[in-house]
Amino acid sequence: HYNVKLDIISNGMLLKGERARKLLPVLSE
C-alpha cells in the first residue's frame, strides 16, 4: 500500500509456497 520494500533476515525453513510468492513483490533484500 505504501510502496515500502522489505529487508528480510530468515533461516529459510519456511521460505516456500504462498509465503515465498507473496514476499517477492515487496522484497528488497
PDB file of all heavy atoms in Angstrom:
ATOM      1  N   HIS A   1       0.820  -1.215   0.000  1.00  0.00           N
ATOM      2  CA  HIS A   1       0.000   0.000   0.000  1.00  0.00           C
ATOM      3  C   HIS A   1       0.851   1.261   0.000  1.00  0.00           C
ATOM      4  O   HIS A   1       0.566   2.219  -0.725  1.00  0.00           O
ATOM      5  CB  HIS A   1      -0.931  -0.006   1.217  1.00  0.00           C
ATOM      6  CG  HIS A   1      -1.741   1.244   1.369  1.00  0.00           C
ATOM      7  ND1 HIS A   1      -2.805   1.559   0.545  1.00  0.00           N
ATOM      8  CD2 HIS A   1      -1.633   2.274   2.250  1.00  0.00           C
ATOM      9  CE1 HIS A   1      -3.330   2.717   0.898  1.00  0.00           C
ATOM     10  NE2 HIS A   1      -2.627   3.177   1.938  1.00  0.00           N
ATOM     11  N   TYR A   2       1.900   1.255   0.827  1.00  0.00           N
ATOM     12  CA  TYR A   2       2.742   2.441   0.965  1.00  0.00           C
ATOM     13  C   TYR A   2       3.976   2.417   0.056  1.00  0.00           C
ATOM     14  O   TYR A   2       4.798   3.331   0.114  1.00  0.00           O
ATOM     15  CB  TYR A   2       3.206   2.580   2.415  1.00  0.00           C
ATOM     16  CG  TYR A   2       2.106   2.977   3.376  1.00  0.00           C
ATOM     17  CD1 TYR A   2       1.595   2.066   4.287  1.00  0.00           C
ATOM     18  CD2 TYR A   2       1.596   4.266   3.372  1.00  0.00           C
ATOM     19  CE1 TYR A   2       0.602   2.428   5.177  1.00  0.00           C
ATOM     20  CE2 TYR A   2       0.605   4.641   4.263  1.00  0.00           C
ATOM     21  CZ  TYR A   2       0.111   3.712   5.161  1.00  0.00           C
ATOM     22  OH  TYR A   2      -0.884   4.064   6.043  1.00  0.00           O
ATOM     23  N   ASN A   3       4.099   1.387  -0.751  1.00  0.00           N
ATOM     24  CA  ASN A   3       5.263   1.246  -1.639  1.00  0.00           C
ATOM     25  C   ASN A   3       6.565   1.199  -0.846  1.00  0.00           C
ATOM     26  O   ASN A   3       7.575   1.818  -1.204  1.00  0.00           O
ATOM     27  CB  ASN A   3       5.314   2.381  -2.670  1.00  0.00           C
ATOM     28  CG  ASN A   3       6.265   2.092  -3.818  1.00  0.00           C
ATOM     29  OD1 ASN A   3       6.502   0.941  -4.176  1.00  0.00           O
ATOM     30  ND2 ASN A   3       6.831   3.144  -4.401  1.00  0.00           N
ATOM     31  N   VAL A   4       6.537   0.467   0.261  1.00  0.00           N
ATOM     32  CA  VAL A   4       7.712   0.257   1.099  1.00  0.00           C
ATOM     33  C   VAL A   4       8.251  -1.145   0.833  1.00  0.00           C
ATOM     34  O   VAL A   4       7.488  -2.102   0.746  1.00  0.00           O
ATOM     35  CB  VAL A   4       7.371   0.408   2.596  1.00  0.00           C
ATOM     36  CG1 VAL A   4       8.533   0.004   3.469  1.00  0.00           C
ATOM     37  CG2 VAL A   4       6.982   1.820   2.905  1.00  0.00           C
ATOM     38  N   LYS A   5       9.566  -1.261   0.709  1.00  0.00           N
ATOM     39  CA  LYS A   5      10.182  -2.552   0.478  1.00  0.00           C
ATOM     40  C   LYS A   5      10.629  -3.186   1.791  1.00  0.00           C
ATOM     41  O   LYS A   5      10.809  -2.525   2.801  1.00  0.00           O
ATOM     42  CB  LYS A   5      11.383  -2.409  -0.458  1.00  0.00           C
ATOM     43  CG  LYS A   5      11.006  -1.950  -1.870  1.00  0.00           C
ATOM     44  CD  LYS A   5      10.116  -2.977  -2.573  1.00  0.00           C
ATOM     45  CE  LYS A   5       9.814  -2.568  -4.005  1.00  0.00           C
ATOM     46  NZ  LYS A   5       8.948  -3.583  -4.695  1.00  0.00           N
ATOM     47  N   LEU A   6      10.806  -4.514   1.743  1.00  0.00           N
ATOM     48  CA  LEU A   6      11.207  -5.288   2.907  1.00  0.00           C
ATOM     49  C   LEU A   6      12.633  -5.796   2.766  1.00  0.00           C
ATOM     50  O   LEU A   6      13.026  -6.301   1.712  1.00  0.00           O
ATOM     51  CB  LEU A   6      10.292  -6.504   3.089  1.00  0.00           C
ATOM     52  CG  LEU A   6       8.964  -6.318   3.816  1.00  0.00           C
ATOM     53  CD1 LEU A   6       8.156  -7.605   3.729  1.00  0.00           C
ATOM     54  CD2 LEU A   6       9.160  -5.933   5.260  1.00  0.00           C
ATOM     55  N   ASP A   7      13.426  -5.646   3.821  1.00  0.00           N
ATOM     56  CA  ASP A   7      14.663  -6.383   4.002  1.00  0.00           C
ATOM     57  C   ASP A   7      14.381  -7.479   5.014  1.00  0.00           C
ATOM     58  O   ASP A   7      14.006  -7.190   6.154  1.00  0.00           O
ATOM     59  CB  ASP A   7      15.779  -5.473   4.524  1.00  0.00           C
ATOM     60  CG  ASP A   7      16.484  -4.713   3.417  1.00  0.00           C
ATOM     61  OD1 ASP A   7      16.081  -4.849   2.255  1.00  0.00           O
ATOM     62  OD2 ASP A   7      17.431  -3.963   3.730  1.00  0.00           O
ATOM     63  N   ILE A   8      14.527  -8.723   4.599  1.00  0.00           N
ATOM     64  CA  ILE A   8      14.168  -9.859   5.435  1.00  0.00           C
ATOM     65  C   ILE A   8      15.414 -10.670   5.781  1.00  0.00           C
ATOM     66  O   ILE A   8      16.218 -11.004   4.900  1.00  0.00           O
ATOM     67  CB  ILE A   8      13.152 -10.784   4.721  1.00  0.00           C
ATOM     68  CG1 ILE A   8      11.793 -10.093   4.573  1.00  0.00           C
ATOM     69  CG2 ILE A   8      13.012 -12.094   5.466  1.00  0.00           C
ATOM     70  CD1 ILE A   8      10.961 -10.052   5.800  1.00  0.00           C
ATOM     71  N   ILE A   9      15.569 -10.998   7.054  1.00  0.00           N
ATOM     72  CA  ILE A   9      16.581 -11.942   7.507  1.00  0.00           C
ATOM     73  C   ILE A   9      15.851 -13.192   7.973  1.00  0.00           C
ATOM     74  O   ILE A   9      15.078 -13.151   8.928  1.00  0.00           O
ATOM     75  CB  ILE A   9      17.432 -11.365   8.641  1.00  0.00           C
ATOM     76  CG1 ILE A   9      18.077 -10.049   8.214  1.00  0.00           C
ATOM     77  CG2 ILE A   9      18.508 -12.363   9.061  1.00  0.00           C
ATOM     78  CD1 ILE A   9      18.795  -9.325   9.342  1.00  0.00           C
ATOM     79  N   SER A  10      16.069 -14.317   7.312  1.00  0.00           N
ATOM     80  CA  SER A  10      15.302 -15.531   7.565  1.00  0.00           C
ATOM     81  C   SER A  10      16.222 -16.739   7.688  1.00  0.00           C
ATOM     82  O   SER A  10      17.318 -16.765   7.134  1.00  0.00           O
ATOM     83  CB  SER A  10      14.290 -15.754   6.431  1.00  0.00           C
ATOM     84  OG  SER A  10      13.652 -17.019   6.525  1.00  0.00           O
ATOM     85  N   ASN A  11      15.747 -17.765   8.410  1.00  0.00           N
ATOM     86  CA  ASN A  11      16.503 -19.021   8.460  1.00  0.00           C
ATOM     87  C   ASN A  11      16.209 -19.916   7.260  1.00  0.00           C
ATOM     88  O   ASN A  11      16.857 -20.955   7.093  1.00  0.00           O
ATOM     89  CB  ASN A  11      16.251 -19.771   9.769  1.00  0.00           C
ATOM     90  CG  ASN A  11      14.787 -20.107  10.016  1.00  0.00           C
ATOM     91  OD1 ASN A  11      14.091 -20.647   9.155  1.00  0.00           O
ATOM     92  ND2 ASN A  11      14.319 -19.820  11.236  1.00  0.00           N
ATOM     93  N   GLY A  12      15.233 -19.530   6.448  1.00  0.00           N
ATOM     94  CA  GLY A  12      14.974 -20.219   5.197  1.00  0.00           C
ATOM     95  C   GLY A  12      14.086 -21.442   5.274  1.00  0.00           C
ATOM     96  O   GLY A  12      13.677 -21.981   4.236  1.00  0.00           O
ATOM     97  N   MET A  13      13.749 -21.923   6.474  1.00  0.00           N
ATOM     98  CA  MET A  13      12.956 -23.138   6.598  1.00  0.00           C
ATOM     99  C   MET A  13      11.531 -22.967   6.085  1.00  0.00           C
ATOM    100  O   MET A  13      10.920 -23.915   5.576  1.00  0.00           O
ATOM    101  CB  MET A  13      12.934 -23.600   8.060  1.00  0.00           C
ATOM    102  CG  MET A  13      14.231 -24.212   8.548  1.00  0.00           C
ATOM    103  SD  MET A  13      14.579 -25.815   7.776  1.00  0.00           S
ATOM    104  CE  MET A  13      13.270 -26.837   8.502  1.00  0.00           C
ATOM    105  N   LEU A  14      10.982 -21.772   6.194  1.00  0.00           N
ATOM    106  CA  LEU A  14       9.596 -21.515   5.798  1.00  0.00           C
ATOM    107  C   LEU A  14       9.487 -20.784   4.465  1.00  0.00           C
ATOM    108  O   LEU A  14       8.385 -20.389   4.069  1.00  0.00           O
ATOM    109  CB  LEU A  14       8.890 -20.697   6.888  1.00  0.00           C
ATOM    110  CG  LEU A  14       8.893 -21.313   8.293  1.00  0.00           C
ATOM    111  CD1 LEU A  14       8.248 -20.367   9.291  1.00  0.00           C
ATOM    112  CD2 LEU A  14       8.192 -22.658   8.305  1.00  0.00           C
ATOM    113  N   LEU A  15      10.582 -20.638   3.775  1.00  0.00           N
ATOM    114  CA  LEU A  15      10.615 -19.875   2.527  1.00  0.00           C
ATOM    115  C   LEU A  15      10.112 -20.721   1.353  1.00  0.00           C
ATOM    116  O   LEU A  15      10.877 -21.146   0.486  1.00  0.00           O
ATOM    117  CB  LEU A  15      12.039 -19.380   2.254  1.00  0.00           C
ATOM    118  CG  LEU A  15      12.220 -18.395   1.102  1.00  0.00           C
ATOM    119  CD1 LEU A  15      11.582 -17.064   1.426  1.00  0.00           C
ATOM    120  CD2 LEU A  15      13.705 -18.228   0.780  1.00  0.00           C
ATOM    121  N   LYS A  16       8.842 -20.966   1.325  1.00  0.00           N
ATOM    122  CA  LYS A  16       8.269 -21.802   0.265  1.00  0.00           C
ATOM    123  C   LYS A  16       6.776 -21.531   0.151  1.00  0.00           C
ATOM    124  O   LYS A  16       6.171 -20.892   1.023  1.00  0.00           O
ATOM    125  CB  LYS A  16       8.525 -23.281   0.560  1.00  0.00           C
ATOM    126  CG  LYS A  16       8.066 -23.742   1.928  1.00  0.00           C
ATOM    127  CD  LYS A  16       8.516 -25.172   2.206  1.00  0.00           C
ATOM    128  CE  LYS A  16       8.232 -25.595   3.634  1.00  0.00           C
ATOM    129  NZ  LYS A  16       8.737 -26.963   3.905  1.00  0.00           N
ATOM    130  N   GLY A  17       6.187 -22.025  -0.937  1.00  0.00           N
ATOM    131  CA  GLY A  17       4.754 -21.899  -1.140  1.00  0.00           C
ATOM    132  C   GLY A  17       4.293 -20.454  -1.221  1.00  0.00           C
ATOM    133  O   GLY A  17       4.969 -19.573  -1.731  1.00  0.00           O
ATOM    134  N   GLU A  18       3.095 -20.215  -0.657  1.00  0.00           N
ATOM    135  CA  GLU A  18       2.486 -18.898  -0.720  1.00  0.00           C
ATOM    136  C   GLU A  18       3.285 -17.841   0.030  1.00  0.00           C
ATOM    137  O   GLU A  18       3.319 -16.683  -0.370  1.00  0.00           O
ATOM    138  CB  GLU A  18       1.053 -18.952  -0.181  1.00  0.00           C
ATOM    139  CG  GLU A  18       0.036 -19.461  -1.174  1.00  0.00           C
ATOM    140  CD  GLU A  18      -0.032 -18.606  -2.426  1.00  0.00           C
ATOM    141  OE1 GLU A  18      -0.342 -17.405  -2.320  1.00  0.00           O
ATOM    142  OE2 GLU A  18       0.255 -19.133  -3.503  1.00  0.00           O
ATOM    143  N   ARG A  19       3.922 -18.235   1.135  1.00  0.00           N
ATOM    144  CA  ARG A  19       4.708 -17.269   1.895  1.00  0.00           C
ATOM    145  C   ARG A  19       5.829 -16.689   1.042  1.00  0.00           C
ATOM    146  O   ARG A  19       6.110 -15.485   1.096  1.00  0.00           O
ATOM    147  CB  ARG A  19       5.280 -17.915   3.150  1.00  0.00           C
ATOM    148  CG  ARG A  19       4.297 -18.051   4.276  1.00  0.00           C
ATOM    149  CD  ARG A  19       4.937 -18.437   5.573  1.00  0.00           C
ATOM    150  NE  ARG A  19       3.954 -18.538   6.629  1.00  0.00           N
ATOM    151  CZ  ARG A  19       3.561 -17.549   7.397  1.00  0.00           C
ATOM    152  NH1 ARG A  19       4.092 -16.389   7.228  1.00  0.00           N
ATOM    153  NH2 ARG A  19       2.640 -17.710   8.328  1.00  0.00           N
ATOM    154  N   ALA A  20       6.466 -17.525   0.279  1.00  0.00           N
ATOM    155  CA  ALA A  20       7.546 -17.057  -0.591  1.00  0.00           C
ATOM    156  C   ALA A  20       7.014 -16.227  -1.747  1.00  0.00           C
ATOM    157  O   ALA A  20       7.553 -15.171  -2.076  1.00  0.00           O
ATOM    158  CB  ALA A  20       8.341 -18.251  -1.114  1.00  0.00           C
ATOM    159  N   ARG A  21       5.948 -16.677  -2.378  1.00  0.00           N
ATOM    160  CA  ARG A  21       5.396 -15.970  -3.537  1.00  0.00           C
ATOM    161  C   ARG A  21       4.861 -14.592  -3.150  1.00  0.00           C
ATOM    162  O   ARG A  21       5.031 -13.619  -3.878  1.00  0.00           O
ATOM    163  CB  ARG A  21       4.297 -16.814  -4.180  1.00  0.00           C
ATOM    164  CG  ARG A  21       4.814 -17.941  -5.055  1.00  0.00           C
ATOM    165  CD  ARG A  21       3.702 -18.607  -5.839  1.00  0.00           C
ATOM    166  NE  ARG A  21       2.865 -19.421  -4.982  1.00  0.00           N
ATOM    167  CZ  ARG A  21       3.117 -20.700  -4.703  1.00  0.00           C
ATOM    168  NH1 ARG A  21       4.179 -21.295  -5.215  1.00  0.00           N
ATOM    169  NH2 ARG A  21       2.300 -21.393  -3.927  1.00  0.00           N
ATOM    170  N   LYS A  22       4.200 -14.502  -1.990  1.00  0.00           N
ATOM    171  CA  LYS A  22       3.674 -13.224  -1.532  1.00  0.00           C
ATOM    172  C   LYS A  22       4.786 -12.240  -1.174  1.00  0.00           C
ATOM    173  O   LYS A  22       4.625 -11.032  -1.299  1.00  0.00           O
ATOM    174  CB  LYS A  22       2.774 -13.436  -0.308  1.00  0.00           C
ATOM    175  CG  LYS A  22       1.447 -14.114  -0.602  1.00  0.00           C
ATOM    176  CD  LYS A  22       0.653 -14.276   0.684  1.00  0.00           C
ATOM    177  CE  LYS A  22      -0.689 -14.931   0.443  1.00  0.00           C
ATOM    178  NZ  LYS A  22      -1.446 -15.118   1.726  1.00  0.00           N
ATOM    179  N   LEU A  23       5.905 -12.762  -0.732  1.00  0.00           N
ATOM    180  CA  LEU A  23       7.011 -11.928  -0.295  1.00  0.00           C
ATOM    181  C   LEU A  23       7.707 -11.225  -1.451  1.00  0.00           C
ATOM    182  O   LEU A  23       8.086 -10.052  -1.353  1.00  0.00           O
ATOM    183  CB  LEU A  23       8.019 -12.786   0.484  1.00  0.00           C
ATOM    184  CG  LEU A  23       9.313 -12.120   0.942  1.00  0.00           C
ATOM    185  CD1 LEU A  23       9.009 -10.995   1.920  1.00  0.00           C
ATOM    186  CD2 LEU A  23      10.227 -13.168   1.607  1.00  0.00           C
ATOM    187  N   LEU A  24       7.862 -11.911  -2.541  1.00  0.00           N
ATOM    188  CA  LEU A  24       8.699 -11.442  -3.640  1.00  0.00           C
ATOM    189  C   LEU A  24       8.330 -10.049  -4.164  1.00  0.00           C
ATOM    190  O   LEU A  24       9.224  -9.213  -4.380  1.00  0.00           O
ATOM    191  CB  LEU A  24       8.679 -12.461  -4.775  1.00  0.00           C
ATOM    192  CG  LEU A  24       9.760 -12.335  -5.851  1.00  0.00           C
ATOM    193  CD1 LEU A  24      11.143 -12.349  -5.223  1.00  0.00           C
ATOM    194  CD2 LEU A  24       9.642 -13.466  -6.858  1.00  0.00           C
ATOM    195  N   PRO A  25       7.047  -9.702  -4.361  1.00  0.00           N
ATOM    196  CA  PRO A  25       6.718  -8.386  -4.938  1.00  0.00           C
ATOM    197  C   PRO A  25       7.108  -7.187  -4.081  1.00  0.00           C
ATOM    198  O   PRO A  25       7.269  -6.078  -4.611  1.00  0.00           O
ATOM    199  CB  PRO A  25       5.188  -8.449  -5.116  1.00  0.00           C
ATOM    200  CG  PRO A  25       4.864  -9.898  -5.166  1.00  0.00           C
ATOM    201  CD  PRO A  25       5.831 -10.546  -4.236  1.00  0.00           C
ATOM    202  N   VAL A  26       7.248  -7.374  -2.767  1.00  0.00           N
ATOM    203  CA  VAL A  26       7.581  -6.244  -1.890  1.00  0.00           C
ATOM    204  C   VAL A  26       8.988  -6.363  -1.317  1.00  0.00           C
ATOM    205  O   VAL A  26       9.360  -5.624  -0.409  1.00  0.00           O
ATOM    206  CB  VAL A  26       6.563  -6.109  -0.736  1.00  0.00           C
ATOM    207  CG1 VAL A  26       5.182  -5.792  -1.269  1.00  0.00           C
ATOM    208  CG2 VAL A  26       6.532  -7.374   0.130  1.00  0.00           C
ATOM    209  N   LEU A  27       9.778  -7.254  -1.855  1.00  0.00           N
ATOM    210  CA  LEU A  27      11.086  -7.549  -1.288  1.00  0.00           C
ATOM    211  C   LEU A  27      12.170  -6.682  -1.896  1.00  0.00           C
ATOM    212  O   LEU A  27      12.206  -6.451  -3.100  1.00  0.00           O
ATOM    213  CB  LEU A  27      11.428  -9.024  -1.505  1.00  0.00           C
ATOM    214  CG  LEU A  27      12.665  -9.575  -0.768  1.00  0.00           C
ATOM    215  CD1 LEU A  27      12.480  -9.507   0.734  1.00  0.00           C
ATOM    216  CD2 LEU A  27      12.931 -11.012  -1.216  1.00  0.00           C
ATOM    217  N   SER A  28      13.068  -6.201  -1.042  1.00  0.00           N
ATOM    218  CA  SER A  28      14.267  -5.515  -1.485  1.00  0.00           C
ATOM    219  C   SER A  28      15.495  -6.404  -1.325  1.00  0.00           C
ATOM    220  O   SER A  28      16.333  -6.483  -2.220  1.00  0.00           O
ATOM    221  CB  SER A  28      14.468  -4.226  -0.692  1.00  0.00           C
ATOM    222  OG  SER A  28      15.709  -3.620  -0.988  1.00  0.00           O
ATOM    223  N   GLU A  29      15.600  -7.076  -0.172  1.00  0.00           N
ATOM    224  CA  GLU A  29      16.743  -7.917   0.124  1.00  0.00           C
ATOM    225  C   GLU A  29      16.303  -9.096   0.991  1.00  0.00           C
ATOM    226  O   GLU A  29      15.584  -8.913   1.968  1.00  0.00           O
ATOM    227  CB  GLU A  29      17.827  -7.134   0.862  1.00  0.00           C
ATOM    228  CG  GLU A  29      19.096  -7.902   1.149  1.00  0.00           C
ATOM    229  CD  GLU A  29      20.076  -7.917   0.004  1.00  0.00           C
ATOM    230  OE1 GLU A  29      19.986  -7.013  -0.855  1.00  0.00           O
ATOM    231  OE2 GLU A  29      20.952  -8.785  -0.028  1.00  0.00           O
TER     232      GLU A  29
END
